């Protein structure tokens, strides 16, 4: 089951086997929620430069290029290549790329940085969202990758065991929130609310600490949806609630119950219920609705933007409205459209609209989650990424932007962590648009985004135990003896032109 049709799937290949295993992705990767765009000319240049630099530096270090790319110096090399193509957006030196000791020392100095990734996913064991599997099998049958021929393919890379490894062992993430997505079709929920709560309980029991949070998905308008909210509050005790205003985001063709945050009749009784129960955080998926999706589902377009956020936030100051992906519209292959729009108008659908809400409505309870806004724009148009970060920090405030990676769709999130640590808004952009600097990796702005803001939102005060819990001990051993991050991505990439 995939929401991409057979013709669309035929034009794609599995990212874990078809994309170059660079420390930073060098082309668009998508889940089966939307089509990825083809590799751009600049992405091709980055990939070629990464390969060129990596080969030379790996040879100098007496190791294979693949092994080199798993090191801190290999990660630095990828950012050097990005700067060579896009200009000096990332704080990195050629000396760091060429000197493992320097790169390792920098990595060690930042390893204890407090990072709360409050936007992560994995798929349930009995998922039928098997587009990934079918695509891998097709690759094997076609002979494109002989290693897959005659071999049963699975979705294990998108399930819990690999998720746990990539979040807690292959990145500097300290705390994560397991999210999900609901559907009109019960079998197509990524995880049920019970599964998320059960995973949270098992992880925290295993680690002896509070390492995991969990969402409860709410689906306004669905039969019995408020009863499900009552059950979640009473039995599952989620750390926050999350909804998709387009309704069924997994199977948009089935979406019969889109809704608005400011619907007084439908949503306000839900907010009242949350306030009475002591819940304060409402997470909502917005954006990721590029032109081709708008053309395909025009009935859902009015629900995908942020026109309903301001009034709801003003009417319910007791709640925090955390907008996932910061409502960025131009996912897939539409990043060039977003960059052109910003260069021409200074605006970006619908990130600019979100950033303007606090001033327009006089509210302080609207937050922007990064999610795919950071994961994909960093790879596609890093100047656009810098522009969006500038707008969010300027409009919402550095204390109202929160870290989320949308992993594991994009693989272990360490490359995203490194990208934010190194990213700076170009001087010309700062002068023209009045953006502030993001500052150093361990500076106040990035500390706030990585973890301090979410710690405040979720009243998290258990950091001390993270230094000595089961994950801390196991990770120390893993780093001494383990194989290192895979640099794999999971999902789809566009087939190269013949």
Foldseek 3Di string as FASTA:
>chain_A
DALDDPVLLVQWAWQQPPFDLALAGLAFFDFSLDAFAARDPLSVQLVVQLVVLLCVLCVVVVHDSLLLRLALLSLLSSVVSVCVRFNQFFPGDVCSNNDRVNSVVVCVVCLQQAFEAAAAEAADPQAPNCSQQVNLQVCCVVVVPVVSPPPRDDRVCRHDPVVCCLAQQQASHQAYEYEWFCAPDRRHTRDALVRRLVVQVVVCVQFVFRRYFYEHEAAWPPVCRVVVVVCCLVPSVHLEYEYEQLGHSRNSVRRPGHHALQPCVTNVVVLVVCVVSPHAEYEYEAAQQAPVNCVVCVVSVVRRACPRPLVNCLVCVSHAYEYELLRQHQGRNRVVVQVVCCVVPVDGPPNLVQLQSCVVRVGLRYAYENACVQSPCVNVPVLSSLSSVQSNCVRNNLLRYAYHHHPPQFPRCNSSLSCLQTGWHDPVSCVVPVGDTCDHSPDDSNSSHRHVSVCVNSVPDGSVSSCPTPSNVVSVVCVVDNSGGSSTHGGIHGDDDD
